[in-house]
Amino acid sequence: MQEHPFAQYIRPLARGKTKSRELTQEEARDAMGMILRREVEPEQIGAFLMLLRLREETAIEIAGFVEAGQIYFEGEGQIPADAPVVDVDWSSYAGKRKQLQWYMLAALTLVQNGFKVFMHGTDGHTAGRIYTSECVQHLGLPIAGDFAMASQQLKDSGFSYMPLKSLCPVYHELIELKHILGLRSPIHTVARMMNPFKSDVVLQGIFHPTFMPKHQEAAQLLGQKHLSVFRGEGGEIEVRPNKAFEVRTCHNGVLETENWPRIADDSRQEVDEELDLSRLEAVWRGQAVDDYADAAIRGTLAVALKTMQRADSIDAALTMAAEMWANRDTSRFI
């Protein structure tokens, strides 16, 4: 029997302690390309993902996987030729269980100030969490079923949210394998970095700090103009305002580390036991006062502005964020 073509990408990962090696960027790109084109057997996918999970994917492999996705989007002609320029690619794949999605209000503040924000994510792969799709629906914001719809929504309002199952069904299926395999896979990282509209600015929120350098280095390998990654609340792109925090950046190929101060006056972070989505609107409209939410929104907005090069220092970004938040139009979201 002839060997399956995909076997060449499993073999390097599983040749034992002394002979196993990481994939090159080209190998990773080609392997993921085969997966996206559905040219791989289910058994091979499971073995491939778990072998990578065992030692953790490298920045080089992540870059190759992301590159495959970008080629796939271009080759399928999914992105409309007249798609608008997206100012910020905002991924949301973790879900929240301790705090509400205050990052949504930071993103909407950007939109009100003329920036186009494309948000993408998935839901339901971890029990007990509230995901962005539920939040977007609750706020009455647009959800895109395909790239043409997302493109039009971005033109009309400056905001669009696209679920992973619409954005890339194959990746959605792979993330759902967590229920079968019992573990996350590299797709959780790759999906975050897809950036299908090729925005100059990519924001990343993660839970495990050890992944920050990998996101940084992968962005450098991909030629991403501007990226910031930090340990966000629950793994989302949301500043934890009660703690000083580190932001890893990539600006035009240069990797740096920024040390941000604690933003909230109170160093404690109480767990929100209710997670009532209606409070998002109440805080936005000024009908409810929440010091934690206010600080989280301002901090998240400041990181976005600094990444976008709209402010040349952390202090300037925090000042600009506070002004934008204070001057938002509370009568509307977008």
C-alpha atoms as a PDB file:
ATOM      1  CA  MET A   1       0.000   0.000   0.000  1.00  0.00           C
ATOM      2  CA  GLN A   2       1.288   3.448  -0.917  1.00  0.00           C
ATOM      3  CA  GLU A   3       2.097   5.817   1.957  1.00  0.00           C
ATOM      4  CA  HIS A   4      -0.342   8.668   2.474  1.00  0.00           C
ATOM      5  CA  PRO A   5       1.209  12.039   1.483  1.00  0.00           C
ATOM      6  CA  PHE A   6       0.460  13.542   4.886  1.00  0.00           C
ATOM      7  CA  ALA A   7       2.574  10.913   6.681  1.00  0.00           C
ATOM      8  CA  GLN A   8       5.691  12.942   5.857  1.00  0.00           C
ATOM      9  CA  TYR A   9       4.494  15.655   8.243  1.00  0.00           C
ATOM     10  CA  ILE A  10       3.699  13.301  11.129  1.00  0.00           C
ATOM     11  CA  ARG A  11       6.971  11.382  10.939  1.00  0.00           C
ATOM     12  CA  PRO A  12       9.337  14.206  12.009  1.00  0.00           C
ATOM     13  CA  LEU A  13       7.210  14.847  15.107  1.00  0.00           C
ATOM     14  CA  ALA A  14       7.201  11.229  16.338  1.00  0.00           C
ATOM     15  CA  ARG A  15      10.615   9.673  15.714  1.00  0.00           C
ATOM     16  CA  GLY A  16      11.547   9.388  19.369  1.00  0.00           C
ATOM     17  CA  LYS A  17      13.525  11.535  21.801  1.00  0.00           C
ATOM     18  CA  THR A  18      16.644  11.895  19.680  1.00  0.00           C
ATOM     19  CA  LYS A  19      15.307  12.011  16.125  1.00  0.00           C
ATOM     20  CA  SER A  20      12.083  13.997  16.476  1.00  0.00           C
ATOM     21  CA  ARG A  21      12.209  17.592  15.311  1.00  0.00           C
ATOM     22  CA  GLU A  22       9.978  20.588  14.768  1.00  0.00           C
ATOM     23  CA  LEU A  23       8.508  21.281  11.366  1.00  0.00           C
ATOM     24  CA  THR A  24       9.999  23.954   9.160  1.00  0.00           C
ATOM     25  CA  GLN A  25       7.765  26.888   8.265  1.00  0.00           C
ATOM     26  CA  GLU A  26       7.328  25.465   4.772  1.00  0.00           C
ATOM     27  CA  GLU A  27       6.404  22.016   6.123  1.00  0.00           C
ATOM     28  CA  ALA A  28       3.934  23.525   8.571  1.00  0.00           C
ATOM     29  CA  ARG A  29       2.371  25.609   5.809  1.00  0.00           C
ATOM     30  CA  ASP A  30       2.023  22.629   3.486  1.00  0.00           C
ATOM     31  CA  ALA A  31       0.683  20.344   6.223  1.00  0.00           C
ATOM     32  CA  MET A  32      -1.981  22.810   7.290  1.00  0.00           C
ATOM     33  CA  GLY A  33      -2.822  23.476   3.672  1.00  0.00           C
ATOM     34  CA  MET A  34      -3.635  19.798   3.207  1.00  0.00           C
ATOM     35  CA  ILE A  35      -5.810  19.857   6.329  1.00  0.00           C
ATOM     36  CA  LEU A  36      -7.691  22.924   5.104  1.00  0.00           C
ATOM     37  CA  ARG A  37      -8.296  21.264   1.744  1.00  0.00           C
ATOM     38  CA  ARG A  38      -9.596  18.165   3.565  1.00  0.00           C
ATOM     39  CA  GLU A  39      -6.901  15.926   2.102  1.00  0.00           C
ATOM     40  CA  VAL A  40      -6.033  14.290   5.433  1.00  0.00           C
ATOM     41  CA  GLU A  41      -7.493  11.275   7.223  1.00  0.00           C
ATOM     42  CA  PRO A  42      -9.127  11.800  10.664  1.00  0.00           C
ATOM     43  CA  GLU A  43      -6.577   9.507  12.349  1.00  0.00           C
ATOM     44  CA  GLN A  44      -3.754  11.587  10.924  1.00  0.00           C
ATOM     45  CA  ILE A  45      -5.285  14.830  12.163  1.00  0.00           C
ATOM     46  CA  GLY A  46      -5.613  13.488  15.707  1.00  0.00           C
ATOM     47  CA  ALA A  47      -2.045  12.203  15.749  1.00  0.00           C
ATOM     48  CA  PHE A  48      -0.670  15.400  14.218  1.00  0.00           C
ATOM     49  CA  LEU A  49      -2.425  17.765  16.619  1.00  0.00           C
ATOM     50  CA  MET A  50      -1.591  15.781  19.747  1.00  0.00           C
ATOM     51  CA  LEU A  51       2.062  15.298  18.823  1.00  0.00           C
ATOM     52  CA  LEU A  52       2.323  19.070  18.458  1.00  0.00           C
ATOM     53  CA  ARG A  53       0.445  19.539  21.724  1.00  0.00           C
ATOM     54  CA  LEU A  54       2.823  17.189  23.556  1.00  0.00           C
ATOM     55  CA  ARG A  55       5.826  19.465  23.096  1.00  0.00           C
ATOM     56  CA  GLU A  56       3.887  22.669  22.195  1.00  0.00           C
ATOM     57  CA  GLU A  57       3.943  24.305  18.803  1.00  0.00           C
ATOM     58  CA  THR A  58       6.882  26.567  17.948  1.00  0.00           C
ATOM     59  CA  ALA A  59       6.732  30.102  16.566  1.00  0.00           C
ATOM     60  CA  ILE A  60       8.011  28.763  13.232  1.00  0.00           C
ATOM     61  CA  GLU A  61       5.234  26.173  13.064  1.00  0.00           C
ATOM     62  CA  ILE A  62       2.594  28.732  14.062  1.00  0.00           C
ATOM     63  CA  ALA A  63       3.788  31.050  11.296  1.00  0.00           C
ATOM     64  CA  GLY A  64       3.557  28.231   8.756  1.00  0.00           C
ATOM     65  CA  PHE A  65       0.072  27.263   9.886  1.00  0.00           C
ATOM     66  CA  VAL A  66      -1.152  30.863   9.732  1.00  0.00           C
ATOM     67  CA  GLU A  67       0.425  31.296   6.323  1.00  0.00           C
ATOM     68  CA  ALA A  68      -1.553  28.272   5.089  1.00  0.00           C
ATOM     69  CA  GLY A  69      -4.766  29.900   6.276  1.00  0.00           C
ATOM     70  CA  GLN A  70      -3.975  33.151   4.506  1.00  0.00           C
ATOM     71  CA  ILE A  71      -3.232  31.270   1.262  1.00  0.00           C
ATOM     72  CA  TYR A  72      -6.483  29.360   1.698  1.00  0.00           C
ATOM     73  CA  PHE A  73      -8.535  32.553   2.103  1.00  0.00           C
ATOM     74  CA  GLU A  74      -6.910  34.114  -0.956  1.00  0.00           C
ATOM     75  CA  GLY A  75      -7.151  30.989  -3.087  1.00  0.00           C
ATOM     76  CA  GLU A  76     -10.812  30.448  -2.308  1.00  0.00           C
ATOM     77  CA  GLY A  77     -11.537  34.048  -3.261  1.00  0.00           C
ATOM     78  CA  GLN A  78     -13.445  34.523  -0.039  1.00  0.00           C
ATOM     79  CA  ILE A  79     -12.276  38.056   0.741  1.00  0.00           C
ATOM     80  CA  PRO A  80     -14.167  40.518  -1.538  1.00  0.00           C
ATOM     81  CA  ALA A  81     -11.973  42.572  -3.837  1.00  0.00           C
ATOM     82  CA  ASP A  82     -13.569  45.764  -2.523  1.00  0.00           C
ATOM     83  CA  ALA A  83     -13.218  44.845   1.163  1.00  0.00           C
ATOM     84  CA  PRO A  84     -12.450  47.884   3.340  1.00  0.00           C
ATOM     85  CA  VAL A  85      -9.180  48.363   5.180  1.00  0.00           C
ATOM     86  CA  VAL A  86      -9.550  46.869   8.667  1.00  0.00           C
ATOM     87  CA  ASP A  87      -7.839  48.918  11.355  1.00  0.00           C
ATOM     88  CA  VAL A  88      -7.783  46.221  14.034  1.00  0.00           C
ATOM     89  CA  ASP A  89      -8.055  42.445  13.858  1.00  0.00           C
ATOM     90  CA  TRP A  90      -9.539  41.402  17.219  1.00  0.00           C
ATOM     91  CA  SER A  91      -9.639  37.677  18.026  1.00  0.00           C
ATOM     92  CA  SER A  92     -11.841  36.255  20.781  1.00  0.00           C
ATOM     93  CA  TYR A  93     -11.508  32.544  21.492  1.00  0.00           C
ATOM     94  CA  ALA A  94     -11.265  32.094  25.255  1.00  0.00           C
ATOM     95  CA  GLY A  95     -14.643  33.020  26.736  1.00  0.00           C
ATOM     96  CA  LYS A  96     -15.173  34.599  30.158  1.00  0.00           C
ATOM     97  CA  ARG A  97     -16.157  33.090  33.504  1.00  0.00           C
ATOM     98  CA  LYS A  98     -14.982  35.659  36.080  1.00  0.00           C
ATOM     99  CA  GLN A  99     -15.779  38.993  34.440  1.00  0.00           C
ATOM    100  CA  LEU A 100     -18.069  40.269  31.715  1.00  0.00           C
ATOM    101  CA  GLN A 101     -16.772  41.104  28.232  1.00  0.00           C
ATOM    102  CA  TRP A 102     -15.608  44.630  28.998  1.00  0.00           C
ATOM    103  CA  TYR A 103     -13.312  44.403  25.967  1.00  0.00           C
ATOM    104  CA  MET A 104     -16.441  44.725  23.813  1.00  0.00           C
ATOM    105  CA  LEU A 105     -16.967  48.261  25.065  1.00  0.00           C
ATOM    106  CA  ALA A 106     -13.322  49.112  24.364  1.00  0.00           C
ATOM    107  CA  ALA A 107     -13.693  47.826  20.797  1.00  0.00           C
ATOM    108  CA  LEU A 108     -16.940  49.753  20.297  1.00  0.00           C
ATOM    109  CA  THR A 109     -15.274  52.927  21.536  1.00  0.00           C
ATOM    110  CA  LEU A 110     -12.665  52.487  18.806  1.00  0.00           C
ATOM    111  CA  VAL A 111     -15.448  52.050  16.246  1.00  0.00           C
ATOM    112  CA  GLN A 112     -17.158  55.247  17.387  1.00  0.00           C
ATOM    113  CA  ASN A 113     -13.866  57.049  16.787  1.00  0.00           C
ATOM    114  CA  GLY A 114     -13.757  56.009  13.154  1.00  0.00           C
ATOM    115  CA  PHE A 115     -11.742  52.797  13.282  1.00  0.00           C
ATOM    116  CA  LYS A 116     -12.891  49.559  11.652  1.00  0.00           C
ATOM    117  CA  VAL A 117     -12.724  46.536  13.945  1.00  0.00           C
ATOM    118  CA  PHE A 118     -13.082  42.974  12.691  1.00  0.00           C
ATOM    119  CA  MET A 119     -13.736  40.542  15.523  1.00  0.00           C
ATOM    120  CA  HIS A 120     -13.726  36.763  15.131  1.00  0.00           C
ATOM    121  CA  GLY A 121     -14.050  33.910  17.574  1.00  0.00           C
ATOM    122  CA  THR A 122     -15.666  30.680  18.602  1.00  0.00           C
ATOM    123  CA  ASP A 123     -17.837  29.490  21.448  1.00  0.00           C
ATOM    124  CA  GLY A 124     -18.868  26.502  23.479  1.00  0.00           C
ATOM    125  CA  HIS A 125     -15.621  24.543  23.477  1.00  0.00           C
ATOM    126  CA  THR A 126     -15.213  25.026  27.248  1.00  0.00           C
ATOM    127  CA  ALA A 127     -18.194  24.688  29.589  1.00  0.00           C
ATOM    128  CA  GLY A 128     -19.119  27.383  32.082  1.00  0.00           C
ATOM    129  CA  ARG A 129     -17.978  30.351  30.008  1.00  0.00           C
ATOM    130  CA  ILE A 130     -19.780  33.167  28.213  1.00  0.00           C
ATOM    131  CA  TYR A 131     -18.450  33.722  24.703  1.00  0.00           C
ATOM    132  CA  THR A 132     -18.362  36.767  22.472  1.00  0.00           C
ATOM    133  CA  SER A 133     -21.099  35.553  20.127  1.00  0.00           C
ATOM    134  CA  GLU A 134     -23.610  35.598  22.981  1.00  0.00           C
ATOM    135  CA  CYS A 135     -22.468  39.068  23.976  1.00  0.00           C
ATOM    136  CA  VAL A 136     -22.659  40.380  20.401  1.00  0.00           C
ATOM    137  CA  GLN A 137     -26.182  39.030  20.007  1.00  0.00           C
ATOM    138  CA  HIS A 138     -27.263  40.539  23.324  1.00  0.00           C
ATOM    139  CA  LEU A 139     -26.016  43.979  22.260  1.00  0.00           C
ATOM    140  CA  GLY A 140     -27.705  43.705  18.865  1.00  0.00           C
ATOM    141  CA  LEU A 141     -24.447  43.985  16.955  1.00  0.00           C
ATOM    142  CA  PRO A 142     -23.910  42.534  13.455  1.00  0.00           C
ATOM    143  CA  ILE A 143     -22.828  38.928  13.003  1.00  0.00           C
ATOM    144  CA  ALA A 144     -21.427  37.901   9.639  1.00  0.00           C
ATOM    145  CA  GLY A 145     -22.222  34.597   7.953  1.00  0.00           C
ATOM    146  CA  ASP A 146     -19.540  35.019   5.291  1.00  0.00           C
ATOM    147  CA  PHE A 147     -16.797  37.425   4.240  1.00  0.00           C
ATOM    148  CA  ALA A 148     -19.038  39.356   1.872  1.00  0.00           C
ATOM    149  CA  MET A 149     -21.396  40.082   4.749  1.00  0.00           C
ATOM    150  CA  ALA A 150     -18.505  40.979   7.054  1.00  0.00           C
ATOM    151  CA  SER A 151     -17.087  43.331   4.442  1.00  0.00           C
ATOM    152  CA  GLN A 152     -20.423  45.123   4.045  1.00  0.00           C
ATOM    153  CA  GLN A 153     -20.912  45.406   7.803  1.00  0.00           C
ATOM    154  CA  LEU A 154     -17.458  46.947   8.161  1.00  0.00           C
ATOM    155  CA  LYS A 155     -18.318  49.466   5.454  1.00  0.00           C
ATOM    156  CA  ASP A 156     -21.693  50.300   6.977  1.00  0.00           C
ATOM    157  CA  SER A 157     -20.877  50.468  10.669  1.00  0.00           C
ATOM    158  CA  GLY A 158     -17.157  49.894  11.178  1.00  0.00           C
ATOM    159  CA  PHE A 159     -17.719  46.666  13.124  1.00  0.00           C
ATOM    160  CA  SER A 160     -18.287  43.034  12.290  1.00  0.00           C
ATOM    161  CA  TYR A 161     -18.138  39.816  14.281  1.00  0.00           C
ATOM    162  CA  MET A 162     -17.662  36.544  12.403  1.00  0.00           C
ATOM    163  CA  PRO A 163     -17.911  33.144  14.127  1.00  0.00           C
ATOM    164  CA  LEU A 164     -15.143  30.687  13.345  1.00  0.00           C
ATOM    165  CA  LYS A 165     -17.643  28.187  11.968  1.00  0.00           C
ATOM    166  CA  SER A 166     -18.414  30.713   9.207  1.00  0.00           C
ATOM    167  CA  LEU A 167     -14.904  32.102   8.870  1.00  0.00           C
ATOM    168  CA  CYS A 168     -13.149  28.723   8.562  1.00  0.00           C
ATOM    169  CA  PRO A 169     -15.307  25.613   9.062  1.00  0.00           C
ATOM    170  CA  VAL A 170     -12.263  23.311   9.126  1.00  0.00           C
ATOM    171  CA  TYR A 171     -10.680  25.198  12.033  1.00  0.00           C
ATOM    172  CA  HIS A 172     -14.013  25.170  13.833  1.00  0.00           C
ATOM    173  CA  GLU A 173     -14.162  21.386  13.484  1.00  0.00           C
ATOM    174  CA  LEU A 174     -10.583  21.054  14.741  1.00  0.00           C
ATOM    175  CA  ILE A 175     -11.230  23.197  17.817  1.00  0.00           C
ATOM    176  CA  GLU A 176     -14.326  21.115  18.553  1.00  0.00           C
ATOM    177  CA  LEU A 177     -12.043  18.058  18.742  1.00  0.00           C
ATOM    178  CA  LYS A 178     -11.156  19.249  22.244  1.00  0.00           C
ATOM    179  CA  HIS A 179     -14.286  17.404  23.406  1.00  0.00           C
ATOM    180  CA  ILE A 180     -12.903  14.193  21.925  1.00  0.00           C
ATOM    181  CA  LEU A 181      -9.178  14.560  22.555  1.00  0.00           C
ATOM    182  CA  GLY A 182      -9.541  16.195  25.955  1.00  0.00           C
ATOM    183  CA  LEU A 183      -6.901  18.837  25.216  1.00  0.00           C
ATOM    184  CA  ARG A 184      -6.555  22.106  23.337  1.00  0.00           C
ATOM    185  CA  SER A 185      -4.638  21.959  20.075  1.00  0.00           C
ATOM    186  CA  PRO A 186      -2.416  24.418  18.179  1.00  0.00           C
ATOM    187  CA  ILE A 187      -5.528  25.550  16.311  1.00  0.00           C
ATOM    188  CA  HIS A 188      -6.461  27.669  19.346  1.00  0.00           C
ATOM    189  CA  THR A 189      -3.299  29.681  18.699  1.00  0.00           C
ATOM    190  CA  VAL A 190      -3.521  29.624  14.897  1.00  0.00           C
ATOM    191  CA  ALA A 191      -7.141  30.799  14.806  1.00  0.00           C
ATOM    192  CA  ARG A 192      -6.234  33.811  16.935  1.00  0.00           C
ATOM    193  CA  MET A 193      -3.601  34.878  14.412  1.00  0.00           C
ATOM    194  CA  MET A 194      -5.498  34.314  11.154  1.00  0.00           C
ATOM    195  CA  ASN A 195      -6.084  38.008  10.395  1.00  0.00           C
ATOM    196  CA  PRO A 196      -8.046  37.219   7.199  1.00  0.00           C
ATOM    197  CA  PHE A 197      -8.477  40.871   6.160  1.00  0.00           C
ATOM    198  CA  LYS A 198      -4.708  41.399   6.616  1.00  0.00           C
ATOM    199  CA  SER A 199      -5.047  44.291   9.019  1.00  0.00           C
ATOM    200  CA  ASP A 200      -1.831  46.099   9.887  1.00  0.00           C
ATOM    201  CA  VAL A 201      -2.782  45.792  13.558  1.00  0.00           C
ATOM    202  CA  VAL A 202      -3.371  42.526  15.399  1.00  0.00           C
ATOM    203  CA  LEU A 203      -4.244  42.309  19.094  1.00  0.00           C
ATOM    204  CA  GLN A 204      -3.806  39.071  21.027  1.00  0.00           C
ATOM    205  CA  GLY A 205      -5.000  38.110  24.483  1.00  0.00           C
ATOM    206  CA  ILE A 206      -3.742  34.851  25.943  1.00  0.00           C
ATOM    207  CA  PHE A 207      -3.935  33.040  29.266  1.00  0.00           C
ATOM    208  CA  HIS A 208      -0.537  31.326  29.455  1.00  0.00           C
ATOM    209  CA  PRO A 209       2.315  33.906  29.523  1.00  0.00           C
ATOM    210  CA  THR A 210       4.780  31.419  28.008  1.00  0.00           C
ATOM    211  CA  PHE A 211       2.961  31.766  24.686  1.00  0.00           C
ATOM    212  CA  MET A 212       3.622  35.515  24.426  1.00  0.00           C
ATOM    213  CA  PRO A 213       7.089  35.209  22.818  1.00  0.00           C
ATOM    214  CA  LYS A 214       5.702  32.664  20.331  1.00  0.00           C
ATOM    215  CA  HIS A 215       3.022  35.083  19.168  1.00  0.00           C
ATOM    216  CA  GLN A 216       5.642  37.811  18.918  1.00  0.00           C
ATOM    217  CA  GLU A 217       8.092  35.718  16.921  1.00  0.00           C
ATOM    218  CA  ALA A 218       5.379  34.271  14.655  1.00  0.00           C
ATOM    219  CA  ALA A 219       4.231  37.820  13.855  1.00  0.00           C
ATOM    220  CA  GLN A 220       7.802  38.721  12.956  1.00  0.00           C
ATOM    221  CA  LEU A 221       8.105  35.695  10.656  1.00  0.00           C
ATOM    222  CA  LEU A 222       4.781  36.567   9.000  1.00  0.00           C
ATOM    223  CA  GLY A 223       5.773  40.192   8.426  1.00  0.00           C
ATOM    224  CA  GLN A 224       2.912  41.468  10.574  1.00  0.00           C
ATOM    225  CA  LYS A 225       3.337  45.250  10.873  1.00  0.00           C
ATOM    226  CA  HIS A 226       1.961  45.768  14.380  1.00  0.00           C
ATOM    227  CA  LEU A 227       1.071  43.215  17.048  1.00  0.00           C
ATOM    228  CA  SER A 228       0.575  43.304  20.792  1.00  0.00           C
ATOM    229  CA  VAL A 229       0.045  40.267  22.972  1.00  0.00           C
ATOM    230  CA  PHE A 230      -0.557  40.188  26.709  1.00  0.00           C
ATOM    231  CA  ARG A 231      -2.056  37.982  29.382  1.00  0.00           C
ATOM    232  CA  GLY A 232      -5.665  39.087  29.252  1.00  0.00           C
ATOM    233  CA  GLU A 233      -8.520  38.484  31.663  1.00  0.00           C
ATOM    234  CA  GLY A 234      -9.656  34.920  31.049  1.00  0.00           C
ATOM    235  CA  GLY A 235      -7.373  34.773  28.000  1.00  0.00           C
ATOM    236  CA  GLU A 236      -9.283  37.477  26.103  1.00  0.00           C
ATOM    237  CA  ILE A 237      -7.993  40.829  24.821  1.00  0.00           C
ATOM    238  CA  GLU A 238      -8.868  42.606  28.037  1.00  0.00           C
ATOM    239  CA  VAL A 239      -6.522  44.254  30.494  1.00  0.00           C
ATOM    240  CA  ARG A 240      -6.639  43.073  34.103  1.00  0.00           C
ATOM    241  CA  PRO A 241      -6.553  46.572  35.594  1.00  0.00           C
ATOM    242  CA  ASN A 242      -5.702  45.503  39.148  1.00  0.00           C
ATOM    243  CA  LYS A 243      -2.216  44.341  38.193  1.00  0.00           C
ATOM    244  CA  ALA A 244       0.811  45.773  36.453  1.00  0.00           C
ATOM    245  CA  PHE A 245       1.261  43.833  33.234  1.00  0.00           C
ATOM    246  CA  GLU A 246       3.611  43.102  30.369  1.00  0.00           C
ATOM    247  CA  VAL A 247       2.806  43.633  26.703  1.00  0.00           C
ATOM    248  CA  ARG A 248       4.971  41.942  24.082  1.00  0.00           C
ATOM    249  CA  THR A 249       4.995  43.797  20.773  1.00  0.00           C
ATOM    250  CA  CYS A 250       6.143  43.445  17.197  1.00  0.00           C
ATOM    251  CA  HIS A 251       6.392  46.683  15.245  1.00  0.00           C
ATOM    252  CA  ASN A 252       7.777  46.439  11.722  1.00  0.00           C
ATOM    253  CA  GLY A 253       9.878  43.411  12.620  1.00  0.00           C
ATOM    254  CA  VAL A 254      11.218  44.790  15.910  1.00  0.00           C
ATOM    255  CA  LEU A 255      10.304  42.827  19.046  1.00  0.00           C
ATOM    256  CA  GLU A 256       9.971  44.690  22.343  1.00  0.00           C
ATOM    257  CA  THR A 257       8.478  44.353  25.812  1.00  0.00           C
ATOM    258  CA  GLU A 258       6.391  47.117  27.385  1.00  0.00           C
ATOM    259  CA  ASN A 259       5.786  47.282  31.132  1.00  0.00           C
ATOM    260  CA  TRP A 260       2.374  48.778  31.837  1.00  0.00           C
ATOM    261  CA  PRO A 261       1.308  50.075  35.270  1.00  0.00           C
ATOM    262  CA  ARG A 262      -1.649  48.977  37.328  1.00  0.00           C
ATOM    263  CA  ILE A 263      -4.622  51.012  36.157  1.00  0.00           C
ATOM    264  CA  ALA A 264      -7.206  50.471  38.897  1.00  0.00           C
ATOM    265  CA  ASP A 265      -6.806  52.058  42.324  1.00  0.00           C
ATOM    266  CA  ASP A 266      -7.877  48.846  44.061  1.00  0.00           C
ATOM    267  CA  SER A 267      -5.473  45.917  43.627  1.00  0.00           C
ATOM    268  CA  ARG A 268      -8.212  43.363  44.373  1.00  0.00           C
ATOM    269  CA  GLN A 269     -10.262  41.718  41.654  1.00  0.00           C
ATOM    270  CA  GLU A 270     -13.634  40.453  42.779  1.00  0.00           C
ATOM    271  CA  VAL A 271     -15.233  37.641  40.799  1.00  0.00           C
ATOM    272  CA  ASP A 272     -18.502  38.631  39.150  1.00  0.00           C
ATOM    273  CA  GLU A 273     -20.824  35.848  40.251  1.00  0.00           C
ATOM    274  CA  GLU A 274     -23.783  36.959  38.108  1.00  0.00           C
ATOM    275  CA  LEU A 275     -22.232  37.771  34.702  1.00  0.00           C
ATOM    276  CA  ASP A 276     -25.375  39.642  33.718  1.00  0.00           C
ATOM    277  CA  LEU A 277     -24.861  40.810  30.144  1.00  0.00           C
ATOM    278  CA  SER A 278     -27.339  43.663  30.609  1.00  0.00           C
ATOM    279  CA  ARG A 279     -24.706  45.404  32.759  1.00  0.00           C
ATOM    280  CA  LEU A 280     -22.576  45.947  29.652  1.00  0.00           C
ATOM    281  CA  GLU A 281     -25.230  48.239  28.212  1.00  0.00           C
ATOM    282  CA  ALA A 282     -25.864  49.879  31.590  1.00  0.00           C
ATOM    283  CA  VAL A 283     -22.176  50.769  31.973  1.00  0.00           C
ATOM    284  CA  TRP A 284     -21.993  51.981  28.371  1.00  0.00           C
ATOM    285  CA  ARG A 285     -25.020  54.253  28.834  1.00  0.00           C
ATOM    286  CA  GLY A 286     -23.728  55.573  32.149  1.00  0.00           C
ATOM    287  CA  GLN A 287     -26.648  54.031  34.034  1.00  0.00           C
ATOM    288  CA  ALA A 288     -24.348  51.922  36.233  1.00  0.00           C
ATOM    289  CA  VAL A 289     -21.050  52.783  37.878  1.00  0.00           C
ATOM    290  CA  ASP A 290     -18.417  50.040  37.891  1.00  0.00           C
ATOM    291  CA  ASP A 291     -14.865  51.102  38.729  1.00  0.00           C
ATOM    292  CA  TYR A 292     -13.384  47.760  37.692  1.00  0.00           C
ATOM    293  CA  ALA A 293     -15.134  47.837  34.316  1.00  0.00           C
ATOM    294  CA  ASP A 294     -14.126  51.442  33.726  1.00  0.00           C
ATOM    295  CA  ALA A 295     -10.449  50.664  34.377  1.00  0.00           C
ATOM    296  CA  ALA A 296     -10.523  47.482  32.272  1.00  0.00           C
ATOM    297  CA  ILE A 297     -12.069  49.343  29.334  1.00  0.00           C
ATOM    298  CA  ARG A 298      -9.645  52.246  29.512  1.00  0.00           C
ATOM    299  CA  GLY A 299      -6.653  49.920  29.831  1.00  0.00           C
ATOM    300  CA  THR A 300      -7.704  47.714  26.934  1.00  0.00           C
ATOM    301  CA  LEU A 301      -8.431  50.731  24.761  1.00  0.00           C
ATOM    302  CA  ALA A 302      -5.018  52.204  25.642  1.00  0.00           C
ATOM    303  CA  VAL A 303      -3.176  49.025  24.587  1.00  0.00           C
ATOM    304  CA  ALA A 304      -5.061  49.093  21.278  1.00  0.00           C
ATOM    305  CA  LEU A 305      -4.210  52.741  20.658  1.00  0.00           C
ATOM    306  CA  LYS A 306      -0.544  52.212  21.512  1.00  0.00           C
ATOM    307  CA  THR A 307      -0.393  49.188  19.168  1.00  0.00           C
ATOM    308  CA  MET A 308      -2.008  51.250  16.405  1.00  0.00           C
ATOM    309  CA  GLN A 309       0.745  53.879  16.882  1.00  0.00           C
ATOM    310  CA  ARG A 310      -1.862  56.500  17.800  1.00  0.00           C
ATOM    311  CA  ALA A 311       0.070  57.286  20.966  1.00  0.00           C
ATOM    312  CA  ASP A 312       3.843  57.371  21.381  1.00  0.00           C
ATOM    313  CA  SER A 313       3.933  56.443  25.063  1.00  0.00           C
ATOM    314  CA  ILE A 314       1.993  54.432  27.612  1.00  0.00           C
ATOM    315  CA  ASP A 315       0.953  57.582  29.478  1.00  0.00           C
ATOM    316  CA  ALA A 316      -0.260  59.218  26.278  1.00  0.00           C
ATOM    317  CA  ALA A 317      -2.211  56.088  25.344  1.00  0.00           C
ATOM    318  CA  LEU A 318      -3.889  55.978  28.762  1.00  0.00           C
ATOM    319  CA  THR A 319      -4.813  59.661  28.528  1.00  0.00           C
ATOM    320  CA  MET A 320      -6.210  59.263  25.021  1.00  0.00           C
ATOM    321  CA  ALA A 321      -8.167  56.161  26.053  1.00  0.00           C
ATOM    322  CA  ALA A 322      -9.706  57.954  29.035  1.00  0.00           C
ATOM    323  CA  GLU A 323     -10.800  60.833  26.796  1.00  0.00           C
ATOM    324  CA  MET A 324     -12.312  58.517  24.176  1.00  0.00           C
ATOM    325  CA  TRP A 325     -14.204  56.544  26.794  1.00  0.00           C
ATOM    326  CA  ALA A 326     -15.485  59.680  28.528  1.00  0.00           C
ATOM    327  CA  ASN A 327     -16.622  61.204  25.227  1.00  0.00           C
ATOM    328  CA  ARG A 328     -18.396  58.134  23.784  1.00  0.00           C
ATOM    329  CA  ASP A 329     -21.903  58.530  22.425  1.00  0.00           C
ATOM    330  CA  THR A 330     -23.901  56.626  25.039  1.00  0.00           C
ATOM    331  CA  SER A 331     -27.051  56.701  22.900  1.00  0.00           C
ATOM    332  CA  ARG A 332     -25.669  54.149  20.447  1.00  0.00           C
ATOM    333  CA  PHE A 333     -23.036  51.416  20.187  1.00  0.00           C
ATOM    334  CA  ILE A 334     -21.915  51.919  16.578  1.00  0.00           C
END
